[in-house]
C-alpha atoms as a PDB file:
ATOM      1  CA  MET A   1      14.066  13.609 -68.882  1.00  0.00           C
ATOM      2  CA  ALA A   2      15.576  15.706 -66.092  1.00  0.00           C
ATOM      3  CA  PHE A   3      12.271  15.478 -64.226  1.00  0.00           C
ATOM      4  CA  ARG A   4      12.341  11.663 -64.391  1.00  0.00           C
ATOM      5  CA  LEU A   5      15.929  11.508 -63.228  1.00  0.00           C
ATOM      6  CA  THR A   6      15.130  13.802 -60.295  1.00  0.00           C
ATOM      7  CA  SER A   7      12.079  11.677 -59.398  1.00  0.00           C
ATOM      8  CA  VAL A   8      14.130   8.475 -59.460  1.00  0.00           C
ATOM      9  CA  VAL A   9      16.911   9.996 -57.344  1.00  0.00           C
ATOM     10  CA  LEU A  10      14.389  11.355 -54.829  1.00  0.00           C
ATOM     11  CA  GLY A  11      12.600   7.988 -54.732  1.00  0.00           C
ATOM     12  CA  ILE A  12      15.845   6.144 -54.043  1.00  0.00           C
ATOM     13  CA  ALA A  13      16.832   8.695 -51.401  1.00  0.00           C
ATOM     14  CA  ALA A  14      13.435   8.387 -49.704  1.00  0.00           C
ATOM     15  CA  ALA A  15      13.624   4.582 -49.739  1.00  0.00           C
ATOM     16  CA  GLY A  16      17.152   4.725 -48.314  1.00  0.00           C
ATOM     17  CA  ALA A  17      16.068   7.096 -45.572  1.00  0.00           C
ATOM     18  CA  LEU A  18      13.143   4.838 -44.685  1.00  0.00           C
ATOM     19  CA  ILE A  19      15.324   1.721 -44.541  1.00  0.00           C
ATOM     20  CA  GLY A  20      17.942   3.560 -42.466  1.00  0.00           C
ATOM     21  CA  ALA A  21      15.309   4.779 -40.029  1.00  0.00           C
ATOM     22  CA  LEU A  22      13.931   1.269 -39.655  1.00  0.00           C
ATOM     23  CA  LEU A  23      17.353  -0.301 -39.127  1.00  0.00           C
ATOM     24  CA  PHE A  24      18.648   2.242 -36.640  1.00  0.00           C
ATOM     25  CA  GLY A  25      15.346   3.015 -34.974  1.00  0.00           C
ATOM     26  CA  MET A  26      14.574  -0.589 -34.041  1.00  0.00           C
ATOM     27  CA  ARG A  27      17.391  -1.385 -31.670  1.00  0.00           C
ATOM     28  CA  PRO A  28      17.109  -4.591 -29.643  1.00  0.00           C
ATOM     29  CA  GLU A  29      16.003  -4.138 -26.046  1.00  0.00           C
ATOM     30  CA  ALA A  30      19.218  -5.637 -24.688  1.00  0.00           C
ATOM     31  CA  GLN A  31      21.227  -2.723 -26.064  1.00  0.00           C
ATOM     32  CA  GLU A  32      19.100  -0.065 -24.403  1.00  0.00           C
ATOM     33  CA  PRO A  33      20.768   1.291 -21.292  1.00  0.00           C
ATOM     34  CA  ALA A  34      18.880   0.820 -18.050  1.00  0.00           C
ATOM     35  CA  THR A  35      17.295   3.994 -16.795  1.00  0.00           C
ATOM     36  CA  PRO A  36      17.864   4.947 -13.160  1.00  0.00           C
ATOM     37  CA  LYS A  37      14.287   3.999 -12.256  1.00  0.00           C
ATOM     38  CA  ASP A  38      14.952   0.471 -13.610  1.00  0.00           C
ATOM     39  CA  ASP A  39      18.094  -0.081 -11.536  1.00  0.00           C
ATOM     40  CA  VAL A  40      17.765  -2.643  -8.765  1.00  0.00           C
ATOM     41  CA  THR A  41      19.507  -1.791  -5.515  1.00  0.00           C
ATOM     42  CA  PRO A  42      21.350  -4.501  -3.579  1.00  0.00           C
ATOM     43  CA  ALA A  43      18.728  -4.171  -0.814  1.00  0.00           C
ATOM     44  CA  GLU A  44      15.895  -4.773  -3.303  1.00  0.00           C
ATOM     45  CA  LEU A  45      17.670  -7.815  -4.733  1.00  0.00           C
ATOM     46  CA  GLN A  46      18.198  -9.204  -1.237  1.00  0.00           C
ATOM     47  CA  LEU A  47      14.548  -8.560  -0.358  1.00  0.00           C
ATOM     48  CA  TYR A  48      13.436 -10.471  -3.459  1.00  0.00           C
ATOM     49  CA  ILE A  49      15.711 -13.414  -2.604  1.00  0.00           C
ATOM     50  CA  ASP A  50      14.673 -13.362   1.077  1.00  0.00           C
ATOM     51  CA  VAL A  51      10.965 -13.453   0.229  1.00  0.00           C
ATOM     52  CA  TYR A  52      11.321 -16.462  -2.036  1.00  0.00           C
ATOM     53  CA  THR A  53      13.742 -18.182   0.361  1.00  0.00           C
ATOM     54  CA  THR A  54      11.183 -17.800   3.158  1.00  0.00           C
ATOM     55  CA  MET A  55       8.451 -19.238   0.948  1.00  0.00           C
ATOM     56  CA  GLN A  56      10.751 -22.101  -0.070  1.00  0.00           C
ATOM     57  CA  ALA A  57      11.272 -22.977   3.587  1.00  0.00           C
ATOM     58  CA  ASP A  58       7.549 -22.941   4.405  1.00  0.00           C
ATOM     59  CA  HIS A  59       5.250 -23.782   1.512  1.00  0.00           C
ATOM     60  CA  ASP A  60       2.188 -22.917   3.595  1.00  0.00           C
ATOM     61  CA  LEU A  61       3.080 -19.213   3.554  1.00  0.00           C
ATOM     62  CA  THR A  62       1.492 -16.915   1.007  1.00  0.00           C
ATOM     63  CA  LEU A  63       3.259 -14.067  -0.692  1.00  0.00           C
ATOM     64  CA  ASP A  64       1.052 -11.573   1.150  1.00  0.00           C
ATOM     65  CA  GLN A  65       1.989 -13.086   4.526  1.00  0.00           C
ATOM     66  CA  VAL A  66       5.710 -12.884   3.810  1.00  0.00           C
ATOM     67  CA  LEU A  67       5.476  -9.346   2.439  1.00  0.00           C
ATOM     68  CA  ALA A  68       3.589  -8.238   5.557  1.00  0.00           C
ATOM     69  CA  THR A  69       6.563  -9.295   7.714  1.00  0.00           C
ATOM     70  CA  LYS A  70       8.878  -7.285   5.445  1.00  0.00           C
ATOM     71  CA  ASN A  71       6.615  -4.177   5.405  1.00  0.00           C
ATOM     72  CA  VAL A  72       6.484  -4.235   1.597  1.00  0.00           C
ATOM     73  CA  SER A  73       3.355  -3.906  -0.513  1.00  0.00           C
ATOM     74  CA  LEU A  74       2.546  -6.386  -3.248  1.00  0.00           C
ATOM     75  CA  ALA A  75       2.799  -3.604  -5.854  1.00  0.00           C
ATOM     76  CA  GLU A  76       6.299  -2.645  -4.659  1.00  0.00           C
ATOM     77  CA  PHE A  77       7.416  -6.274  -4.672  1.00  0.00           C
ATOM     78  CA  ARG A  78       6.046  -6.868  -8.177  1.00  0.00           C
ATOM     79  CA  ASN A  79       7.844  -3.729  -9.366  1.00  0.00           C
ATOM     80  CA  VAL A  80      11.135  -5.051  -7.982  1.00  0.00           C
ATOM     81  CA  GLY A  81      10.465  -8.422  -9.610  1.00  0.00           C
ATOM     82  CA  ARG A  82       9.730  -6.792 -12.967  1.00  0.00           C
ATOM     83  CA  ARG A  83      12.980  -4.831 -12.835  1.00  0.00           C
ATOM     84  CA  ILE A  84      14.960  -7.940 -11.856  1.00  0.00           C
ATOM     85  CA  GLN A  85      13.435  -9.922 -14.738  1.00  0.00           C
ATOM     86  CA  GLN A  86      14.692  -7.280 -17.183  1.00  0.00           C
ATOM     87  CA  GLN A  87      18.326  -7.980 -16.282  1.00  0.00           C
ATOM     88  CA  ASP A  88      19.643 -11.456 -17.052  1.00  0.00           C
ATOM     89  CA  ARG A  89      22.532 -11.187 -14.597  1.00  0.00           C
ATOM     90  CA  LEU A  90      20.134 -10.471 -11.725  1.00  0.00           C
ATOM     91  CA  VAL A  91      17.853 -13.348 -12.736  1.00  0.00           C
ATOM     92  CA  HIS A  92      20.939 -15.575 -12.661  1.00  0.00           C
ATOM     93  CA  LYS A  93      21.894 -14.295  -9.180  1.00  0.00           C
ATOM     94  CA  VAL A  94      18.404 -15.003  -7.854  1.00  0.00           C
ATOM     95  CA  ARG A  95      18.416 -18.515  -9.347  1.00  0.00           C
ATOM     96  CA  GLU A  96      21.824 -19.257  -7.853  1.00  0.00           C
ATOM     97  CA  ALA A  97      20.762 -18.048  -4.404  1.00  0.00           C
ATOM     98  CA  LEU A  98      17.496 -20.000  -4.401  1.00  0.00           C
ATOM     99  CA  THR A  99      19.176 -23.135  -5.758  1.00  0.00           C
ATOM    100  CA  ALA A 100      21.834 -22.933  -3.044  1.00  0.00           C
ATOM    101  CA  GLN A 101      19.134 -22.599  -0.382  1.00  0.00           C
ATOM    102  CA  ALA A 102      17.200 -25.553  -1.813  1.00  0.00           C
ATOM    103  CA  LYS A 103      20.324 -27.737  -1.884  1.00  0.00           C
ATOM    104  CA  LYS A 104      21.183 -26.785   1.694  1.00  0.00           C
ATOM    105  CA  ARG A 105      17.663 -27.632   2.827  1.00  0.00           C
ATOM    106  CA  ALA A 106      17.729 -30.930   0.912  1.00  0.00           C
ATOM    107  CA  GLU A 107      20.995 -31.912   2.597  1.00  0.00           C
ATOM    108  CA  GLN A 108      19.422 -31.238   5.996  1.00  0.00           C
ATOM    109  CA  ILE A 109      16.341 -33.308   5.153  1.00  0.00           C
ATOM    110  CA  ALA A 110      18.175 -36.203   3.465  1.00  0.00           C
ATOM    111  CA  PRO A 111      19.578 -37.778   6.672  1.00  0.00           C
ATOM    112  CA  MET A 112      16.096 -37.811   8.211  1.00  0.00           C
ATOM    113  CA  ALA A 113      14.582 -39.368   5.079  1.00  0.00           C
ATOM    114  CA  ALA A 114      17.203 -42.138   5.063  1.00  0.00           C
ATOM    115  CA  ARG A 115      15.974 -43.503   8.411  1.00  0.00           C
ATOM    116  CA  PRO A 116      13.448 -46.333   8.292  1.00  0.00           C
ATOM    117  CA  ALA A 117       9.914 -45.388   9.219  1.00  0.00           C
ATOM    118  CA  GLY A 118       9.248 -45.461  12.941  1.00  0.00           C
ATOM    119  CA  THR A 119      12.913 -45.108  13.876  1.00  0.00           C
ATOM    120  CA  PRO A 120      13.339 -42.293  16.384  1.00  0.00           C
ATOM    121  CA  ALA A 121      15.687 -39.473  15.508  1.00  0.00           C
ATOM    122  CA  ALA A 122      17.667 -39.978  18.729  1.00  0.00           C
ATOM    123  CA  PRO A 123      17.580 -42.629  21.397  1.00  0.00           C
ATOM    124  CA  PRO A 124      15.143 -41.886  24.198  1.00  0.00           C
ATOM    125  CA  PRO A 125      16.702 -40.381  27.300  1.00  0.00           C
ATOM    126  CA  ALA A 126      17.738 -42.816  30.003  1.00  0.00           C
ATOM    127  CA  PRO A 127      15.542 -42.801  33.089  1.00  0.00           C
ATOM    128  CA  PRO A 128      17.031 -40.969  36.035  1.00  0.00           C
ATOM    129  CA  GLN A 129      18.937 -43.198  38.455  1.00  0.00           C
ATOM    130  CA  GLN A 130      17.896 -43.122  42.082  1.00  0.00           C
END
């Protein structure tokens, strides 16, 4: 009888230890602190925003062309992007910055789009008087 009681107690203790390990060992990713290598510097965040702002302004540019002007490799840029995507607040900052740039550009284009086709942007210059 004592052997059975000991077996039951050990079984319950083992099951409890297993459940505890599962509950405390499987923390959500959001609660894990960022390691120093995952931190994004303000310069990296600005680089990321600048690259996409440049591409927003000229849709004919490729990512490689823009990165070449910034002296950044594609691997480095993708690493920065990966680290930004891991932090919701940085993703939000990037979205806000790119949305602001798009709105600004749209406001600049809107007056030109409102003109009827064939209407010059400004009246032609007057001929010189002699």
